[in-house]
Amino acid sequence: NKPPDYLFYDHVAAVKPGLYQVRVAAIDVKSGARGSAYEWIEVPDIATKQLTMSSLIIGERKPEAQAQLAASADRQTEALKEVPVNVDHRFTSSSYLRLLTFVYNAAANADPKRTDNSTATNNARGVPELDVQIQVFRDNEPVITTPLHKIQTDGISDAQRVPYAAEISLSGLARGAYVLQVTVIDKLAKGSATRKLNFRIE
């Protein structure tokens, strides 16, 4: 039988907040083929109670793969299981970049001065109000900028750990080095957090 194109392997480790380099190596015991990968990740210090984000996790969806990306928070944590995680950050120009991050310590305080009924109801349930913008830069110039839009928080089980997943088309981008930037704005706390990640199109 033909082996699968890729495999998922999970390993859980408790680490303190800080900057880490994660290294992974694998070997095919039958053929002797081997490979390795490494990635810098930053574990945020959520004890500070300041708005912060996890590192960006990215995957690549080929054009022929299913395009649907559910908007509900319950489905967002499963988003990258539907496409291979891209560990070397190299993409083809015809593919789609799918990203996942988690937003920590968002404010969720009720504001009695608000007159918008839906907003007041959400705040009463402790639901954050978060906006997000995605940008892609090349040579410090933005080549993709999405409109500022709301992060879907309905149905989340933990308002202090809000998942966000999205997908952007890389069509039309030339070969070369790029920077992915995701900015989250906390409308209640009047603060923001930003994460960046380098990738290439080949």
N, C-alpha and C. Protein backbone atom coordinates (compact mmCIF):
# COMPACT_ATOMS: atom_id res chain seq x y z
N ASN A 1 0.83 -1.20 0.00
CA ASN A 1 0.00 0.00 0.00
C ASN A 1 0.87 1.25 0.00
N LYS A 2 0.36 2.27 -0.67
CA LYS A 2 1.07 3.54 -0.70
C LYS A 2 0.98 4.23 0.65
N PRO A 3 2.10 4.69 1.19
CA PRO A 3 2.06 5.38 2.49
C PRO A 3 1.38 6.74 2.35
N PRO A 4 0.87 7.31 3.44
CA PRO A 4 0.22 8.63 3.37
C PRO A 4 1.24 9.71 3.02
N ASP A 5 0.75 10.80 2.43
CA ASP A 5 1.63 11.91 2.06
C ASP A 5 2.23 12.60 3.28
N TYR A 6 1.52 12.59 4.39
CA TYR A 6 2.02 13.24 5.60
C TYR A 6 1.37 12.59 6.82
N LEU A 7 2.01 12.78 7.96
CA LEU A 7 1.53 12.25 9.23
C LEU A 7 1.52 13.37 10.26
N PHE A 8 0.59 13.28 11.22
CA PHE A 8 0.56 14.22 12.33
C PHE A 8 1.17 13.57 13.55
N TYR A 9 2.02 14.30 14.26
CA TYR A 9 2.58 13.81 15.51
C TYR A 9 2.45 14.91 16.56
N ASP A 10 1.87 14.59 17.70
CA ASP A 10 1.68 15.56 18.77
C ASP A 10 2.56 15.22 19.95
N HIS A 11 3.14 16.23 20.54
CA HIS A 11 3.91 16.06 21.77
C HIS A 11 3.60 17.25 22.68
N VAL A 12 3.22 16.97 23.90
CA VAL A 12 2.84 18.01 24.85
C VAL A 12 3.94 18.16 25.89
N ALA A 13 4.37 19.40 26.12
CA ALA A 13 5.40 19.68 27.12
C ALA A 13 5.06 20.98 27.84
N ALA A 14 5.20 20.99 29.14
CA ALA A 14 4.94 22.20 29.94
C ALA A 14 6.22 23.03 30.00
N VAL A 15 6.16 24.26 29.52
CA VAL A 15 7.32 25.15 29.53
C VAL A 15 6.92 26.51 30.09
N LYS A 16 7.90 27.23 30.59
CA LYS A 16 7.65 28.56 31.12
C LYS A 16 7.59 29.57 29.98
N PRO A 17 7.00 30.75 30.21
CA PRO A 17 6.97 31.78 29.17
C PRO A 17 8.37 32.14 28.72
N GLY A 18 8.51 32.40 27.42
CA GLY A 18 9.81 32.76 26.88
C GLY A 18 9.93 32.40 25.42
N LEU A 19 11.12 32.61 24.86
CA LEU A 19 11.40 32.31 23.46
C LEU A 19 12.14 30.98 23.38
N TYR A 20 11.64 30.08 22.53
CA TYR A 20 12.21 28.73 22.42
C TYR A 20 12.44 28.38 20.96
N GLN A 21 13.42 27.51 20.73
CA GLN A 21 13.60 26.90 19.42
C GLN A 21 13.23 25.42 19.54
N VAL A 22 12.23 25.01 18.79
CA VAL A 22 11.76 23.62 18.81
C VAL A 22 12.37 22.88 17.63
N ARG A 23 13.01 21.75 17.90
CA ARG A 23 13.64 20.95 16.86
C ARG A 23 13.01 19.56 16.83
N VAL A 24 12.72 19.08 15.64
CA VAL A 24 12.10 17.77 15.46
C VAL A 24 12.83 17.02 14.36
N ALA A 25 13.12 15.76 14.59
CA ALA A 25 13.76 14.92 13.58
C ALA A 25 13.01 13.59 13.50
N ALA A 26 12.96 13.01 12.30
CA ALA A 26 12.27 11.74 12.10
C ALA A 26 13.08 10.88 11.14
N ILE A 27 12.94 9.56 11.29
CA ILE A 27 13.64 8.63 10.41
C ILE A 27 12.70 7.51 10.01
N ASP A 28 12.73 7.14 8.75
CA ASP A 28 11.98 5.98 8.25
C ASP A 28 12.85 4.74 8.49
N VAL A 29 12.41 3.89 9.41
CA VAL A 29 13.25 2.76 9.80
C VAL A 29 13.40 1.74 8.67
N LYS A 30 12.52 1.76 7.69
CA LYS A 30 12.61 0.81 6.59
C LYS A 30 13.57 1.28 5.50
N SER A 31 13.41 2.53 5.09
CA SER A 31 14.23 3.05 3.98
C SER A 31 15.48 3.78 4.45
N GLY A 32 15.48 4.21 5.70
CA GLY A 32 16.60 4.99 6.19
C GLY A 32 16.50 6.47 5.90
N ALA A 33 15.45 6.89 5.19
CA ALA A 33 15.26 8.32 4.90
C ALA A 33 15.01 9.07 6.20
N ARG A 34 15.53 10.26 6.26
CA ARG A 34 15.38 11.04 7.47
C ARG A 34 15.23 12.52 7.13
N GLY A 35 14.72 13.25 8.07
CA GLY A 35 14.52 14.68 7.87
C GLY A 35 14.36 15.37 9.21
N SER A 36 14.51 16.67 9.21
CA SER A 36 14.39 17.43 10.45
C SER A 36 13.85 18.82 10.14
N ALA A 37 13.38 19.48 11.17
CA ALA A 37 12.87 20.84 11.03
C ALA A 37 13.00 21.54 12.38
N TYR A 38 13.07 22.86 12.35
CA TYR A 38 13.10 23.61 13.61
C TYR A 38 12.29 24.89 13.44
N GLU A 39 11.86 25.43 14.55
CA GLU A 39 11.04 26.64 14.51
C GLU A 39 11.20 27.39 15.83
N TRP A 40 11.31 28.70 15.73
CA TRP A 40 11.29 29.55 16.92
C TRP A 40 9.84 29.81 17.31
N ILE A 41 9.54 29.64 18.57
CA ILE A 41 8.21 29.96 19.08
C ILE A 41 8.34 30.80 20.34
N GLU A 42 7.36 31.64 20.58
CA GLU A 42 7.34 32.44 21.80
C GLU A 42 6.13 32.04 22.62
N VAL A 43 6.38 31.62 23.85
CA VAL A 43 5.30 31.28 24.77
C VAL A 43 4.95 32.54 25.55
N PRO A 44 3.76 33.10 25.35
CA PRO A 44 3.43 34.38 26.00
C PRO A 44 3.24 34.22 27.50
N ASP A 45 3.52 35.27 28.23
CA ASP A 45 3.31 35.29 29.68
C ASP A 45 1.91 35.83 29.95
N ILE A 46 0.95 34.95 30.03
CA ILE A 46 -0.43 35.39 30.21
C ILE A 46 -0.71 35.88 31.62
N ALA A 47 0.22 35.62 32.55
CA ALA A 47 0.04 36.08 33.92
C ALA A 47 0.09 37.59 34.04
N THR A 48 0.63 38.27 33.01
CA THR A 48 0.70 39.73 33.04
C THR A 48 -0.66 40.37 32.86
N LYS A 49 -1.63 39.59 32.39
CA LYS A 49 -2.99 40.07 32.14
C LYS A 49 -3.05 41.09 31.00
N GLN A 50 -1.98 41.19 30.22
CA GLN A 50 -1.98 42.07 29.06
C GLN A 50 -2.39 41.29 27.82
N LEU A 51 -3.02 41.98 26.88
CA LEU A 51 -3.42 41.34 25.64
C LEU A 51 -2.20 40.79 24.92
N THR A 52 -2.24 39.52 24.54
CA THR A 52 -1.12 38.90 23.85
C THR A 52 -1.63 37.79 22.94
N MET A 53 -0.75 37.28 22.08
CA MET A 53 -1.12 36.25 21.12
C MET A 53 -0.10 35.12 21.17
N SER A 54 -0.54 33.94 20.75
CA SER A 54 0.38 32.83 20.57
C SER A 54 1.18 33.04 19.29
N SER A 55 2.20 32.20 19.09
CA SER A 55 2.89 32.20 17.81
C SER A 55 1.89 31.83 16.70
N LEU A 56 2.20 32.23 15.47
CA LEU A 56 1.35 31.90 14.34
C LEU A 56 1.66 30.49 13.85
N ILE A 57 0.63 29.68 13.69
CA ILE A 57 0.75 28.34 13.12
C ILE A 57 0.17 28.41 11.71
N ILE A 58 0.93 27.95 10.71
CA ILE A 58 0.46 28.08 9.34
C ILE A 58 0.46 26.74 8.62
N GLY A 59 -0.44 26.62 7.66
CA GLY A 59 -0.54 25.44 6.82
C GLY A 59 -0.80 25.86 5.40
N GLU A 60 -0.65 24.92 4.48
CA GLU A 60 -0.83 25.20 3.06
C GLU A 60 -1.98 24.37 2.51
N ARG A 61 -2.95 25.05 1.87
CA ARG A 61 -4.05 24.33 1.21
C ARG A 61 -3.86 24.46 -0.29
N LYS A 62 -3.82 23.34 -0.95
CA LYS A 62 -3.72 23.33 -2.41
C LYS A 62 -5.06 23.74 -3.02
N PRO A 63 -5.03 24.27 -4.25
CA PRO A 63 -6.28 24.75 -4.87
C PRO A 63 -7.35 23.68 -4.99
N GLU A 64 -6.94 22.42 -5.17
CA GLU A 64 -7.94 21.36 -5.36
C GLU A 64 -8.55 20.89 -4.05
N ALA A 65 -7.99 21.30 -2.91
CA ALA A 65 -8.52 20.87 -1.62
C ALA A 65 -9.76 21.67 -1.27
N GLN A 66 -10.51 21.17 -0.31
CA GLN A 66 -11.77 21.81 0.09
C GLN A 66 -11.50 23.21 0.61
N ALA A 67 -12.30 24.17 0.16
CA ALA A 67 -12.05 25.57 0.50
C ALA A 67 -12.73 26.01 1.78
N GLN A 68 -13.69 25.28 2.27
CA GLN A 68 -14.49 25.75 3.39
C GLN A 68 -13.65 25.87 4.66
N LEU A 69 -13.77 27.02 5.33
CA LEU A 69 -13.15 27.25 6.63
C LEU A 69 -14.23 27.77 7.55
N ALA A 70 -14.69 26.95 8.45
CA ALA A 70 -15.81 27.31 9.31
C ALA A 70 -15.47 28.52 10.16
N ALA A 71 -16.47 29.39 10.37
CA ALA A 71 -16.24 30.62 11.11
C ALA A 71 -16.42 30.45 12.61
N SER A 72 -17.11 29.41 13.05
CA SER A 72 -17.40 29.25 14.47
C SER A 72 -16.12 28.99 15.25
N ALA A 73 -16.08 29.48 16.50
CA ALA A 73 -14.89 29.31 17.34
C ALA A 73 -14.63 27.85 17.64
N ASP A 74 -15.67 27.05 17.77
CA ASP A 74 -15.50 25.63 18.08
C ASP A 74 -14.74 24.92 16.96
N ARG A 75 -14.88 25.36 15.70
CA ARG A 75 -14.25 24.70 14.58
C ARG A 75 -12.87 25.26 14.28
N GLN A 76 -12.58 26.45 14.76
CA GLN A 76 -11.33 27.09 14.39
C GLN A 76 -10.11 26.33 14.91
N THR A 77 -10.22 25.71 16.08
CA THR A 77 -9.08 24.98 16.61
C THR A 77 -8.78 23.72 15.81
N GLU A 78 -9.73 23.30 14.95
CA GLU A 78 -9.51 22.13 14.09
C GLU A 78 -9.08 22.52 12.68
N ALA A 79 -8.96 23.81 12.43
CA ALA A 79 -8.77 24.29 11.06
C ALA A 79 -7.53 23.72 10.39
N LEU A 80 -6.42 23.66 11.11
CA LEU A 80 -5.18 23.22 10.48
C LEU A 80 -5.07 21.71 10.35
N LYS A 81 -5.97 20.96 10.96
CA LYS A 81 -5.95 19.51 10.78
C LYS A 81 -6.47 19.12 9.41
N GLU A 82 -7.11 20.07 8.72
CA GLU A 82 -7.66 19.80 7.40
C GLU A 82 -6.63 20.05 6.30
N VAL A 83 -5.50 20.66 6.64
CA VAL A 83 -4.43 20.90 5.68
C VAL A 83 -3.10 20.59 6.38
N PRO A 84 -2.06 20.20 5.62
CA PRO A 84 -0.77 19.92 6.25
C PRO A 84 -0.17 21.18 6.88
N VAL A 85 0.35 21.07 8.10
CA VAL A 85 1.07 22.18 8.71
C VAL A 85 2.36 22.40 7.94
N ASN A 86 2.64 23.63 7.58
CA ASN A 86 3.79 23.96 6.76
C ASN A 86 4.96 24.33 7.67
N VAL A 87 5.84 23.36 7.94
CA VAL A 87 6.91 23.59 8.91
C VAL A 87 8.09 24.35 8.33
N ASP A 88 8.29 24.29 7.01
CA ASP A 88 9.43 25.00 6.44
C ASP A 88 9.05 26.36 5.86
N HIS A 89 7.75 26.70 5.94
CA HIS A 89 7.26 28.02 5.53
C HIS A 89 7.53 28.33 4.06
N ARG A 90 7.46 27.28 3.22
CA ARG A 90 7.62 27.45 1.78
C ARG A 90 6.31 27.09 1.09
N PHE A 91 5.85 27.99 0.23
CA PHE A 91 4.55 27.83 -0.42
C PHE A 91 4.69 27.95 -1.93
N THR A 92 3.71 27.43 -2.65
CA THR A 92 3.59 27.69 -4.07
C THR A 92 2.63 28.85 -4.27
N SER A 93 2.81 29.58 -5.36
CA SER A 93 2.00 30.78 -5.58
C SER A 93 0.54 30.47 -5.89
N SER A 94 0.24 29.22 -6.21
CA SER A 94 -1.15 28.86 -6.51
C SER A 94 -1.91 28.36 -5.28
N SER A 95 -1.23 28.31 -4.13
CA SER A 95 -1.85 27.73 -2.94
C SER A 95 -2.45 28.81 -2.03
N TYR A 96 -2.99 28.35 -0.92
CA TYR A 96 -3.59 29.22 0.08
C TYR A 96 -2.86 29.04 1.40
N LEU A 97 -2.59 30.14 2.09
CA LEU A 97 -1.96 30.10 3.40
C LEU A 97 -3.05 30.13 4.46
N ARG A 98 -3.07 29.12 5.29
CA ARG A 98 -4.04 29.05 6.39
C ARG A 98 -3.31 29.25 7.70
N LEU A 99 -3.84 30.11 8.55
CA LEU A 99 -3.17 30.45 9.80
C LEU A 99 -4.08 30.22 10.98
N LEU A 100 -3.43 29.96 12.12
CA LEU A 100 -4.14 29.77 13.39
C LEU A 100 -3.35 30.44 14.49
N THR A 101 -4.04 31.17 15.36
CA THR A 101 -3.41 31.77 16.53
C THR A 101 -4.43 31.80 17.66
N PHE A 102 -3.95 32.07 18.87
CA PHE A 102 -4.83 32.20 20.03
C PHE A 102 -4.59 33.56 20.67
N VAL A 103 -5.68 34.21 21.05
CA VAL A 103 -5.62 35.54 21.67
C VAL A 103 -5.89 35.38 23.16
N TYR A 104 -4.96 35.89 23.98
CA TYR A 104 -5.07 35.74 25.42
C TYR A 104 -5.34 37.08 26.10
N ASN A 105 -6.06 37.02 27.22
CA ASN A 105 -6.29 38.15 28.13
C ASN A 105 -7.09 39.29 27.50
N ALA A 106 -8.01 38.96 26.61
CA ALA A 106 -8.90 39.99 26.06
C ALA A 106 -9.87 40.45 27.14
N ALA A 107 -10.17 41.75 27.15
CA ALA A 107 -11.12 42.29 28.12
C ALA A 107 -12.53 41.82 27.78
N ALA A 108 -13.34 41.65 28.81
CA ALA A 108 -14.73 41.22 28.59
C ALA A 108 -15.62 41.83 29.65
N ASN A 109 -15.43 43.12 29.89
CA ASN A 109 -16.20 43.81 30.93
C ASN A 109 -17.44 44.48 30.34
N ALA A 110 -18.56 44.39 31.07
CA ALA A 110 -19.78 45.04 30.63
C ALA A 110 -19.62 46.55 30.73
N ASP A 111 -20.20 47.26 29.78
CA ASP A 111 -20.16 48.72 29.77
C ASP A 111 -21.58 49.26 29.79
N PRO A 112 -22.07 49.73 30.93
CA PRO A 112 -23.46 50.16 31.03
C PRO A 112 -23.79 51.37 30.17
N LYS A 113 -22.78 52.09 29.67
CA LYS A 113 -23.03 53.27 28.86
C LYS A 113 -23.39 52.92 27.43
N ARG A 114 -23.13 51.65 27.02
CA ARG A 114 -23.40 51.26 25.63
C ARG A 114 -24.90 51.18 25.39
N THR A 115 -25.30 51.61 24.22
CA THR A 115 -26.71 51.59 23.87
C THR A 115 -27.04 50.48 22.90
N ASP A 116 -26.03 49.85 22.31
CA ASP A 116 -26.25 48.75 21.38
C ASP A 116 -26.65 47.50 22.16
N ASN A 117 -27.87 47.01 21.94
CA ASN A 117 -28.39 45.90 22.73
C ASN A 117 -27.57 44.64 22.56
N SER A 118 -27.17 44.31 21.31
CA SER A 118 -26.42 43.10 21.07
C SER A 118 -25.05 43.16 21.74
N THR A 119 -24.43 44.34 21.70
CA THR A 119 -23.12 44.49 22.34
C THR A 119 -23.24 44.36 23.84
N ALA A 120 -24.27 44.96 24.41
CA ALA A 120 -24.47 44.88 25.85
C ALA A 120 -24.71 43.46 26.29
N THR A 121 -25.48 42.72 25.50
CA THR A 121 -25.75 41.32 25.85
C THR A 121 -24.48 40.50 25.82
N ASN A 122 -23.65 40.69 24.79
CA ASN A 122 -22.40 39.96 24.71
C ASN A 122 -21.49 40.26 25.89
N ASN A 123 -21.40 41.55 26.27
CA ASN A 123 -20.54 41.92 27.38
C ASN A 123 -21.03 41.33 28.69
N ALA A 124 -22.36 41.22 28.84
CA ALA A 124 -22.93 40.64 30.05
C ALA A 124 -22.53 39.18 30.17
N ARG A 125 -22.34 38.51 29.04
CA ARG A 125 -21.92 37.11 29.07
C ARG A 125 -20.40 36.98 29.14
N GLY A 126 -19.70 38.12 29.20
CA GLY A 126 -18.26 38.06 29.26
C GLY A 126 -17.61 37.74 27.94
N VAL A 127 -18.16 38.24 26.85
CA VAL A 127 -17.61 37.97 25.51
C VAL A 127 -16.75 39.14 25.07
N PRO A 128 -15.51 38.90 24.66
CA PRO A 128 -14.63 39.99 24.21
C PRO A 128 -15.11 40.61 22.90
N GLU A 129 -14.59 41.79 22.61
CA GLU A 129 -14.83 42.46 21.34
C GLU A 129 -13.47 42.65 20.67
N LEU A 130 -13.16 41.78 19.71
CA LEU A 130 -11.85 41.76 19.08
C LEU A 130 -11.96 41.96 17.57
N ASP A 131 -11.13 42.83 17.04
CA ASP A 131 -10.99 43.01 15.60
C ASP A 131 -9.61 42.50 15.18
N VAL A 132 -9.49 42.10 13.92
CA VAL A 132 -8.23 41.55 13.44
C VAL A 132 -7.96 42.04 12.02
N GLN A 133 -6.68 42.20 11.71
CA GLN A 133 -6.26 42.54 10.36
C GLN A 133 -5.05 41.70 9.99
N ILE A 134 -5.05 41.17 8.76
CA ILE A 134 -3.94 40.37 8.25
C ILE A 134 -3.24 41.15 7.15
N GLN A 135 -1.91 41.17 7.21
CA GLN A 135 -1.12 41.82 6.17
C GLN A 135 0.04 40.92 5.75
N VAL A 136 0.41 41.03 4.48
CA VAL A 136 1.58 40.35 3.95
C VAL A 136 2.50 41.42 3.36
N PHE A 137 3.76 41.39 3.78
CA PHE A 137 4.74 42.39 3.34
C PHE A 137 5.84 41.75 2.51
N ARG A 138 6.32 42.50 1.53
CA ARG A 138 7.54 42.14 0.80
C ARG A 138 8.41 43.37 0.69
N ASP A 139 9.65 43.26 1.15
CA ASP A 139 10.57 44.40 1.17
C ASP A 139 9.93 45.59 1.90
N ASN A 140 9.28 45.28 3.03
CA ASN A 140 8.66 46.28 3.91
C ASN A 140 7.47 47.00 3.27
N GLU A 141 7.00 46.52 2.14
CA GLU A 141 5.83 47.11 1.48
C GLU A 141 4.66 46.13 1.55
N PRO A 142 3.47 46.59 1.97
CA PRO A 142 2.32 45.67 2.04
C PRO A 142 1.84 45.27 0.66
N VAL A 143 1.70 43.96 0.42
CA VAL A 143 1.18 43.46 -0.85
C VAL A 143 -0.22 42.86 -0.66
N ILE A 144 -0.57 42.53 0.58
CA ILE A 144 -1.92 42.08 0.92
C ILE A 144 -2.31 42.74 2.23
N THR A 145 -3.48 43.35 2.26
CA THR A 145 -4.03 43.92 3.49
C THR A 145 -5.52 43.62 3.53
N THR A 146 -5.95 42.85 4.51
CA THR A 146 -7.37 42.55 4.62
C THR A 146 -8.07 43.66 5.39
N PRO A 147 -9.35 43.88 5.14
CA PRO A 147 -10.09 44.87 5.93
C PRO A 147 -10.13 44.45 7.40
N LEU A 148 -10.14 45.43 8.29
CA LEU A 148 -10.30 45.14 9.71
C LEU A 148 -11.66 44.49 9.93
N HIS A 149 -11.68 43.32 10.58
CA HIS A 149 -12.95 42.63 10.76
C HIS A 149 -13.02 41.97 12.14
N LYS A 150 -14.20 41.65 12.56
CA LYS A 150 -14.45 41.12 13.90
C LYS A 150 -14.07 39.65 13.98
N ILE A 151 -13.48 39.26 15.12
CA ILE A 151 -13.22 37.86 15.39
C ILE A 151 -14.48 37.23 15.98
N GLN A 152 -14.89 36.11 15.42
CA GLN A 152 -16.09 35.42 15.88
C GLN A 152 -15.83 34.82 17.25
N THR A 153 -16.59 35.25 18.27
CA THR A 153 -16.40 34.75 19.63
C THR A 153 -17.63 34.03 20.17
N ASP A 154 -18.68 33.94 19.38
CA ASP A 154 -19.88 33.23 19.85
C ASP A 154 -19.56 31.76 20.06
N GLY A 155 -19.94 31.25 21.22
CA GLY A 155 -19.77 29.83 21.50
C GLY A 155 -18.42 29.45 22.07
N ILE A 156 -17.53 30.41 22.30
CA ILE A 156 -16.24 30.05 22.86
C ILE A 156 -16.41 29.63 24.33
N SER A 157 -15.61 28.67 24.76
CA SER A 157 -15.73 28.16 26.13
C SER A 157 -14.86 28.93 27.11
N ASP A 158 -13.85 29.64 26.61
CA ASP A 158 -12.93 30.38 27.48
C ASP A 158 -12.62 31.72 26.83
N ALA A 159 -13.19 32.79 27.39
CA ALA A 159 -13.02 34.11 26.81
C ALA A 159 -11.59 34.62 26.93
N GLN A 160 -10.78 34.00 27.78
CA GLN A 160 -9.39 34.42 27.92
C GLN A 160 -8.45 33.68 26.97
N ARG A 161 -9.02 32.79 26.17
CA ARG A 161 -8.21 32.04 25.19
C ARG A 161 -9.05 31.90 23.92
N VAL A 162 -8.98 32.91 23.08
CA VAL A 162 -9.85 32.99 21.91
C VAL A 162 -9.09 32.51 20.67
N PRO A 163 -9.55 31.45 20.01
CA PRO A 163 -8.88 30.99 18.79
C PRO A 163 -9.29 31.83 17.58
N TYR A 164 -8.36 32.01 16.65
CA TYR A 164 -8.67 32.70 15.40
C TYR A 164 -7.96 31.99 14.26
N ALA A 165 -8.72 31.62 13.24
CA ALA A 165 -8.18 30.98 12.05
C ALA A 165 -8.64 31.74 10.81
N ALA A 166 -7.79 31.78 9.80
CA ALA A 166 -8.13 32.47 8.56
C ALA A 166 -7.33 31.88 7.42
N GLU A 167 -7.69 32.27 6.20
CA GLU A 167 -7.02 31.76 5.01
C GLU A 167 -6.88 32.89 4.01
N ILE A 168 -5.70 32.99 3.39
CA ILE A 168 -5.48 34.01 2.37
C ILE A 168 -4.91 33.35 1.12
N SER A 169 -5.32 33.85 -0.04
CA SER A 169 -4.81 33.34 -1.31
C SER A 169 -3.46 33.97 -1.63
N LEU A 170 -2.53 33.15 -2.09
CA LEU A 170 -1.21 33.64 -2.48
C LEU A 170 -1.11 33.86 -3.98
N SER A 171 -2.22 33.73 -4.67
CA SER A 171 -2.24 33.88 -6.12
C SER A 171 -1.77 35.27 -6.54
N GLY A 172 -0.90 35.31 -7.51
CA GLY A 172 -0.42 36.59 -8.03
C GLY A 172 0.85 37.09 -7.36
N LEU A 173 1.28 36.45 -6.27
CA LEU A 173 2.49 36.89 -5.60
C LEU A 173 3.72 36.26 -6.26
N ALA A 174 4.73 37.06 -6.49
CA ALA A 174 5.95 36.58 -7.13
C ALA A 174 6.79 35.76 -6.16
N ARG A 175 7.72 35.00 -6.70
CA ARG A 175 8.62 34.24 -5.86
C ARG A 175 9.46 35.18 -4.99
N GLY A 176 9.75 34.72 -3.79
CA GLY A 176 10.58 35.54 -2.91
C GLY A 176 10.18 35.42 -1.46
N ALA A 177 10.79 36.28 -0.64
CA ALA A 177 10.58 36.25 0.81
C ALA A 177 9.47 37.23 1.21
N TYR A 178 8.63 36.81 2.14
CA TYR A 178 7.51 37.61 2.60
C TYR A 178 7.42 37.55 4.13
N VAL A 179 6.65 38.50 4.68
CA VAL A 179 6.38 38.53 6.12
C VAL A 179 4.87 38.57 6.31
N LEU A 180 4.36 37.61 7.07
CA LEU A 180 2.95 37.58 7.44
C LEU A 180 2.80 38.30 8.77
N GLN A 181 1.86 39.23 8.85
CA GLN A 181 1.62 39.99 10.08
C GLN A 181 0.14 39.93 10.44
N VAL A 182 -0.14 39.56 11.68
CA VAL A 182 -1.52 39.51 12.18
C VAL A 182 -1.62 40.44 13.38
N THR A 183 -2.56 41.39 13.31
CA THR A 183 -2.76 42.35 14.39
C THR A 183 -4.17 42.20 14.95
N VAL A 184 -4.26 42.07 16.27
CA VAL A 184 -5.55 41.96 16.96
C VAL A 184 -5.75 43.20 17.81
N ILE A 185 -6.94 43.78 17.73
CA ILE A 185 -7.28 44.98 18.49
C ILE A 185 -8.37 44.64 19.49
N ASP A 186 -8.14 44.96 20.75
CA ASP A 186 -9.13 44.78 21.81
C ASP A 186 -9.91 46.08 21.93
N LYS A 187 -11.15 46.07 21.46
CA LYS A 187 -11.95 47.29 21.43
C LYS A 187 -12.35 47.75 22.82
N LEU A 188 -12.46 46.83 23.78
CA LEU A 188 -12.85 47.20 25.13
C LEU A 188 -11.68 47.77 25.92
N ALA A 189 -10.52 47.14 25.81
CA ALA A 189 -9.35 47.59 26.56
C ALA A 189 -8.54 48.64 25.83
N LYS A 190 -8.89 48.92 24.55
CA LYS A 190 -8.17 49.90 23.74
C LYS A 190 -6.69 49.53 23.59
N GLY A 191 -6.44 48.24 23.38
CA GLY A 191 -5.07 47.78 23.19
C GLY A 191 -4.95 46.90 21.97
N SER A 192 -3.73 46.51 21.63
CA SER A 192 -3.51 45.67 20.46
C SER A 192 -2.32 44.75 20.69
N ALA A 193 -2.24 43.70 19.87
CA ALA A 193 -1.13 42.75 19.90
C ALA A 193 -0.84 42.33 18.46
N THR A 194 0.42 42.07 18.15
CA THR A 194 0.83 41.74 16.79
C THR A 194 1.81 40.57 16.80
N ARG A 195 1.64 39.67 15.82
CA ARG A 195 2.60 38.59 15.60
C ARG A 195 3.03 38.61 14.14
N LYS A 196 4.32 38.24 13.90
CA LYS A 196 4.86 38.19 12.55
C LYS A 196 5.50 36.84 12.30
N LEU A 197 5.58 36.47 11.02
CA LEU A 197 6.18 35.21 10.63
C LEU A 197 6.71 35.32 9.21
N ASN A 198 7.91 34.82 8.98
CA ASN A 198 8.52 34.85 7.66
C ASN A 198 8.13 33.60 6.85
N PHE A 199 7.89 33.78 5.56
CA PHE A 199 7.64 32.63 4.68
C PHE A 199 8.14 32.97 3.27
N ARG A 200 8.23 31.95 2.43
CA ARG A 200 8.69 32.12 1.06
C ARG A 200 7.70 31.53 0.08
N ILE A 201 7.67 32.13 -1.11
CA ILE A 201 6.92 31.57 -2.23
C ILE A 201 7.91 31.11 -3.29
N GLU A 202 7.74 29.85 -3.73
CA GLU A 202 8.69 29.28 -4.69
C GLU A 202 7.98 28.85 -5.95
